[in-house]
C-alpha cells in the first residue's frame, strides 16, 4: 500500500498526483492534435475541450480519424518539431 502523500513508483520515489492537476499539466510541454475532418469528434467541440483541459489551442491538421492513419508522415513531422522545440 502506498505511503501517505501519493503512489510510490517501482524505483521508490513518490509519483506526482495521478491524474495530474491543471497546474501540473500546464507546466509540461503539451500539444494536442485535432484532425479537421474527423468523423468521430467535431473539431469545434475538441477546441473547447482542449482549451478547457489544457489552456491551449489545439494544432489542427487536415484529415480524418485517426490522424496517424490519414497522414502519418505529416503527424510525425509535427510531433518531431514540437518535441525538438520543447527540449530547447
Protein backbone atom coordinates (compact mmCIF):
# COMPACT_ATOMS: atom_id res chain seq x y z
CA UNK A 1 0.00 0.00 0.00
CA UNK A 2 1.38 3.45 -0.92
CA UNK A 3 2.57 5.70 1.85
CA UNK A 4 0.64 8.87 2.62
CA UNK A 5 1.26 11.56 0.03
CA UNK A 6 0.79 9.58 -3.15
CA UNK A 7 1.67 6.44 -5.04
CA UNK A 8 5.20 5.13 -4.95
CA UNK A 9 6.92 4.27 -8.22
CA UNK A 10 8.62 0.90 -8.68
CA UNK A 11 12.03 2.54 -8.20
CA UNK A 12 10.98 4.16 -4.93
CA UNK A 13 10.43 7.93 -5.39
CA UNK A 14 6.95 9.30 -4.99
CA UNK A 15 4.99 9.91 -8.15
CA UNK A 16 3.19 13.16 -8.71
CA UNK A 17 -0.54 13.23 -8.20
CA UNK A 18 -2.38 10.92 -10.57
CA UNK A 19 -4.09 12.19 -12.59
CA UNK A 20 -2.13 15.42 -12.69
CA UNK A 21 -3.97 18.64 -11.94
CA UNK A 22 -4.30 21.52 -14.38
CA UNK A 23 -1.32 23.40 -12.88
CA UNK A 24 0.88 20.32 -13.21
CA UNK A 25 -0.27 19.76 -16.81
CA UNK A 26 0.33 23.42 -17.64
CA UNK A 27 3.93 23.11 -16.50
CA UNK A 28 4.59 20.35 -19.06
CA UNK A 29 5.14 20.92 -22.78
CA UNK A 30 1.86 19.85 -24.35
CA UNK A 31 0.48 19.58 -27.84
CA UNK A 32 -2.95 18.34 -28.82
CA UNK A 33 -3.57 17.48 -32.46
CA UNK A 34 -7.07 17.59 -33.92
CA UNK A 35 -8.00 16.42 -37.41
CA UNK A 36 -10.25 18.91 -39.17
CA UNK A 37 -12.21 16.20 -40.99
CA UNK A 38 -12.51 13.82 -38.02
CA UNK A 39 -15.65 11.72 -38.43
CA UNK A 40 -15.91 10.93 -34.71
CA UNK A 41 -15.03 14.19 -32.94
CA UNK A 42 -16.13 17.58 -34.26
CA UNK A 43 -13.13 19.91 -34.31
CA UNK A 44 -15.27 22.72 -32.88
CA UNK A 45 -16.03 20.60 -29.81
CA UNK A 46 -12.44 19.48 -29.46
CA UNK A 47 -11.22 23.11 -29.48
CA UNK A 48 -13.43 23.83 -26.45
CA UNK A 49 -12.33 20.66 -24.65
CA UNK A 50 -8.63 21.28 -25.24
CA UNK A 51 -8.83 24.92 -24.13
CA UNK A 52 -10.75 23.91 -21.02
CA UNK A 53 -8.48 21.00 -20.08
CA UNK A 54 -5.08 22.38 -21.06
CA UNK A 55 -5.48 26.12 -21.59
CA UNK A 56 -4.02 25.87 -25.11
CA UNK A 57 -5.33 25.82 -28.65
CA UNK A 58 -5.09 22.51 -30.47
CA UNK A 59 -2.98 22.13 -33.59
CA UNK A 60 -5.40 21.42 -36.41
CA UNK A 61 -4.31 19.30 -39.34
CA UNK A 62 -6.27 18.19 -42.38
CA UNK A 63 -7.53 14.64 -42.35
CA UNK A 64 -9.84 12.25 -40.60
CA UNK A 65 -9.83 9.98 -37.60
CA UNK A 66 -7.20 9.00 -36.57
CA UNK A 67 -4.55 11.39 -37.88
CA UNK A 68 -1.84 8.73 -37.65
CA UNK A 69 -3.60 6.81 -40.42
CA UNK A 70 -4.61 9.82 -42.51
CA UNK A 71 -1.16 11.44 -42.72
CA UNK A 72 1.45 9.51 -40.72
CA UNK A 73 4.43 11.40 -42.14
CA UNK A 74 2.82 14.79 -41.54
CA UNK A 75 1.84 13.91 -37.98
CA UNK A 76 5.32 12.52 -37.27
CA UNK A 77 6.94 15.72 -38.59
CA UNK A 78 4.60 17.88 -36.49
CA UNK A 79 5.32 15.90 -33.30
CA UNK A 80 9.04 15.78 -34.03
CA UNK A 81 9.12 19.57 -34.45
CA UNK A 82 7.14 20.07 -31.24
CA UNK A 83 9.47 17.76 -29.31
CA UNK A 84 12.58 19.47 -30.62
CA UNK A 85 11.24 22.92 -29.66
CA UNK A 86 10.14 21.69 -26.22
CA UNK A 87 13.60 20.29 -25.49
CA UNK A 88 15.48 23.52 -26.30
